[in-house]
N, C-alpha and C. Protein backbone atom coordinates (compact mmCIF):
# COMPACT_ATOMS: atom_id res chain seq x y z
N UNK A 1 0.83 -1.18 0.00
CA UNK A 1 0.00 0.00 0.00
C UNK A 1 0.88 1.25 0.00
N UNK A 2 1.94 1.24 0.78
CA UNK A 2 2.78 2.43 0.90
C UNK A 2 3.47 2.79 -0.42
N UNK A 3 4.04 1.83 -1.17
CA UNK A 3 4.70 2.22 -2.42
C UNK A 3 3.74 2.84 -3.44
N UNK A 4 2.54 2.31 -3.52
CA UNK A 4 1.56 2.86 -4.46
C UNK A 4 1.20 4.28 -4.06
N UNK A 5 0.94 4.48 -2.78
CA UNK A 5 0.58 5.82 -2.30
C UNK A 5 1.73 6.81 -2.49
N UNK A 6 2.94 6.40 -2.17
CA UNK A 6 4.07 7.30 -2.30
C UNK A 6 4.34 7.66 -3.76
N UNK A 7 4.23 6.70 -4.66
CA UNK A 7 4.44 6.97 -6.07
C UNK A 7 3.38 7.90 -6.62
N UNK A 8 2.14 7.68 -6.23
CA UNK A 8 1.05 8.54 -6.69
C UNK A 8 1.22 9.96 -6.17
N UNK A 9 1.54 10.10 -4.89
CA UNK A 9 1.73 11.43 -4.33
C UNK A 9 2.93 12.15 -4.96
N UNK A 10 3.99 11.41 -5.26
CA UNK A 10 5.15 12.03 -5.91
C UNK A 10 4.79 12.53 -7.30
N UNK A 11 4.02 11.75 -8.03
CA UNK A 11 3.61 12.18 -9.37
C UNK A 11 2.70 13.41 -9.30
N UNK A 12 1.79 13.41 -8.33
CA UNK A 12 0.89 14.56 -8.18
C UNK A 12 1.68 15.81 -7.81
N UNK A 13 2.59 15.68 -6.85
CA UNK A 13 3.38 16.85 -6.44
C UNK A 13 4.28 17.35 -7.57
N UNK A 14 4.75 16.44 -8.41
CA UNK A 14 5.58 16.84 -9.54
C UNK A 14 4.78 17.62 -10.57
N UNK A 15 3.52 17.26 -10.75
CA UNK A 15 2.69 17.92 -11.75
C UNK A 15 2.00 19.19 -11.26
N UNK A 16 2.05 19.47 -9.97
CA UNK A 16 1.36 20.65 -9.45
C UNK A 16 1.84 21.97 -10.06
N UNK A 17 3.13 22.20 -10.26
CA UNK A 17 3.51 23.46 -10.90
C UNK A 17 2.90 23.64 -12.29
N UNK A 18 2.80 22.55 -13.06
CA UNK A 18 2.16 22.67 -14.37
C UNK A 18 0.67 22.91 -14.23
N UNK A 19 0.04 22.27 -13.25
CA UNK A 19 -1.40 22.45 -13.07
C UNK A 19 -1.75 23.88 -12.66
N UNK A 20 -0.87 24.52 -11.92
CA UNK A 20 -1.10 25.91 -11.52
C UNK A 20 -0.56 26.90 -12.55
N UNK A 21 -0.06 26.39 -13.66
CA UNK A 21 0.48 27.20 -14.75
C UNK A 21 1.59 28.11 -14.27
N UNK A 22 2.48 27.56 -13.46
CA UNK A 22 3.64 28.32 -13.00
C UNK A 22 4.79 28.08 -13.97
N UNK A 23 5.46 29.11 -14.35
CA UNK A 23 6.60 28.98 -15.25
C UNK A 23 6.24 29.33 -16.68
N UNK A 24 7.26 29.58 -17.45
CA UNK A 24 7.08 30.01 -18.82
C UNK A 24 6.62 28.86 -19.70
N UNK A 25 5.57 29.08 -20.48
CA UNK A 25 5.08 28.09 -21.43
C UNK A 25 4.23 26.99 -20.82
N UNK A 26 3.92 27.07 -19.55
CA UNK A 26 3.16 25.99 -18.92
C UNK A 26 1.66 26.10 -19.17
N UNK A 27 1.21 27.21 -19.76
CA UNK A 27 -0.22 27.36 -20.04
C UNK A 27 -0.72 26.28 -21.00
N UNK A 28 0.15 25.87 -21.92
CA UNK A 28 -0.25 24.83 -22.87
C UNK A 28 -0.33 23.46 -22.22
N UNK A 29 0.47 23.22 -21.20
CA UNK A 29 0.52 21.92 -20.54
C UNK A 29 -0.47 21.81 -19.38
N UNK A 30 -1.09 22.92 -18.99
CA UNK A 30 -1.97 22.92 -17.82
C UNK A 30 -3.12 21.91 -17.94
N UNK A 31 -3.86 21.86 -19.05
CA UNK A 31 -4.96 20.87 -19.12
C UNK A 31 -4.47 19.43 -19.00
N UNK A 32 -3.32 19.13 -19.57
CA UNK A 32 -2.77 17.78 -19.46
C UNK A 32 -2.43 17.45 -18.02
N UNK A 33 -1.80 18.39 -17.32
CA UNK A 33 -1.44 18.15 -15.92
C UNK A 33 -2.67 17.96 -15.05
N UNK A 34 -3.70 18.75 -15.29
CA UNK A 34 -4.94 18.62 -14.51
C UNK A 34 -5.59 17.27 -14.77
N UNK A 35 -5.59 16.84 -16.02
CA UNK A 35 -6.19 15.54 -16.35
C UNK A 35 -5.42 14.39 -15.70
N UNK A 36 -4.10 14.46 -15.72
CA UNK A 36 -3.30 13.39 -15.12
C UNK A 36 -3.48 13.37 -13.61
N UNK A 37 -3.48 14.53 -12.98
CA UNK A 37 -3.67 14.59 -11.52
C UNK A 37 -5.05 14.05 -11.16
N UNK A 38 -6.07 14.40 -11.93
CA UNK A 38 -7.42 13.89 -11.65
C UNK A 38 -7.46 12.37 -11.77
N UNK A 39 -6.82 11.84 -12.80
CA UNK A 39 -6.78 10.39 -12.96
C UNK A 39 -6.05 9.69 -11.83
N UNK A 40 -4.96 10.29 -11.37
CA UNK A 40 -4.22 9.69 -10.25
C UNK A 40 -5.03 9.72 -8.97
N UNK A 41 -5.77 10.79 -8.75
CA UNK A 41 -6.59 10.88 -7.54
C UNK A 41 -7.72 9.85 -7.58
N UNK A 42 -8.27 9.61 -8.76
CA UNK A 42 -9.35 8.62 -8.88
C UNK A 42 -8.80 7.20 -8.78
N UNK A 43 -7.63 6.95 -9.36
CA UNK A 43 -7.12 5.58 -9.39
C UNK A 43 -6.63 5.09 -8.03
N UNK A 44 -6.19 6.01 -7.17
CA UNK A 44 -5.61 5.58 -5.89
C UNK A 44 -6.60 4.77 -5.04
N UNK A 45 -7.81 5.28 -4.77
CA UNK A 45 -8.73 4.43 -3.99
C UNK A 45 -9.20 3.20 -4.75
N UNK A 46 -9.26 3.29 -6.08
CA UNK A 46 -9.68 2.12 -6.84
C UNK A 46 -8.64 1.00 -6.75
N UNK A 47 -7.38 1.36 -6.87
CA UNK A 47 -6.32 0.35 -6.83
C UNK A 47 -6.16 -0.22 -5.42
N UNK A 48 -6.26 0.63 -4.41
CA UNK A 48 -6.03 0.18 -3.04
C UNK A 48 -7.27 -0.44 -2.38
N UNK A 49 -8.45 -0.10 -2.86
CA UNK A 49 -9.66 -0.59 -2.20
C UNK A 49 -10.49 -1.54 -3.03
N UNK A 50 -10.82 -1.11 -4.23
CA UNK A 50 -11.77 -1.88 -5.05
C UNK A 50 -11.10 -3.09 -5.69
N UNK A 51 -9.90 -2.93 -6.21
CA UNK A 51 -9.26 -4.05 -6.90
C UNK A 51 -9.02 -5.27 -6.00
N UNK A 52 -8.53 -5.11 -4.77
CA UNK A 52 -8.37 -6.30 -3.92
C UNK A 52 -9.70 -7.00 -3.61
N UNK A 53 -10.75 -6.22 -3.45
CA UNK A 53 -12.06 -6.82 -3.18
C UNK A 53 -12.54 -7.61 -4.39
N UNK A 54 -12.41 -7.02 -5.58
CA UNK A 54 -12.81 -7.74 -6.79
C UNK A 54 -11.97 -8.99 -7.01
N UNK A 55 -10.68 -8.90 -6.75
CA UNK A 55 -9.81 -10.07 -6.89
C UNK A 55 -10.23 -11.18 -5.93
N UNK A 56 -10.55 -10.81 -4.70
CA UNK A 56 -10.98 -11.79 -3.71
C UNK A 56 -12.30 -12.45 -4.13
N UNK A 57 -13.22 -11.65 -4.64
CA UNK A 57 -14.50 -12.21 -5.09
C UNK A 57 -14.30 -13.16 -6.26
N UNK A 58 -13.42 -12.82 -7.17
CA UNK A 58 -13.16 -13.71 -8.30
C UNK A 58 -12.50 -15.00 -7.84
N UNK A 59 -11.61 -14.92 -6.88
CA UNK A 59 -10.97 -16.13 -6.36
C UNK A 59 -11.99 -17.03 -5.67
N UNK A 60 -12.89 -16.45 -4.93
CA UNK A 60 -13.91 -17.25 -4.25
C UNK A 60 -14.84 -17.92 -5.24
N UNK A 61 -15.17 -17.20 -6.31
CA UNK A 61 -16.08 -17.75 -7.30
C UNK A 61 -15.45 -18.94 -8.01
N UNK A 62 -14.15 -18.90 -8.25
CA UNK A 62 -13.45 -20.00 -8.90
C UNK A 62 -13.25 -21.18 -7.96
N UNK A 63 -13.38 -20.95 -6.67
CA UNK A 63 -13.17 -22.01 -5.71
C UNK A 63 -11.72 -22.18 -5.33
N UNK A 64 -10.87 -21.27 -5.78
CA UNK A 64 -9.46 -21.34 -5.45
C UNK A 64 -9.24 -20.78 -4.05
N UNK A 65 -8.25 -21.32 -3.34
CA UNK A 65 -7.98 -20.78 -2.01
C UNK A 65 -7.44 -19.36 -2.09
N UNK A 66 -7.84 -18.55 -1.15
CA UNK A 66 -7.36 -17.17 -1.10
C UNK A 66 -5.90 -17.16 -0.68
N UNK A 67 -5.12 -16.22 -1.25
CA UNK A 67 -3.72 -16.11 -0.81
C UNK A 67 -3.65 -15.68 0.64
N UNK A 68 -2.63 -16.11 1.34
CA UNK A 68 -2.53 -15.73 2.75
C UNK A 68 -2.32 -14.22 2.89
N UNK A 69 -2.85 -13.68 3.95
CA UNK A 69 -2.72 -12.25 4.21
C UNK A 69 -1.27 -11.94 4.59
N UNK A 70 -0.75 -10.85 4.03
CA UNK A 70 0.62 -10.47 4.36
C UNK A 70 0.63 -9.70 5.66
N UNK A 71 1.69 -9.83 6.44
CA UNK A 71 1.73 -9.17 7.76
C UNK A 71 1.87 -7.69 7.66
């Protein structure tokens, strides 16, 4: 969980100057930065919350044993 969160936050913090249109020529890149930041904010809870639940449900439906919980 920590590596995914740290990588996402690093990418968001890196793109913030472009999203705020700071610096010369960043006005053209601002929409791209806003779109990427929005996607990262949406994907974080999906990857950390929804995907493990869906994976567990699929494993149960197949009848396969669930992987052991990591400490």
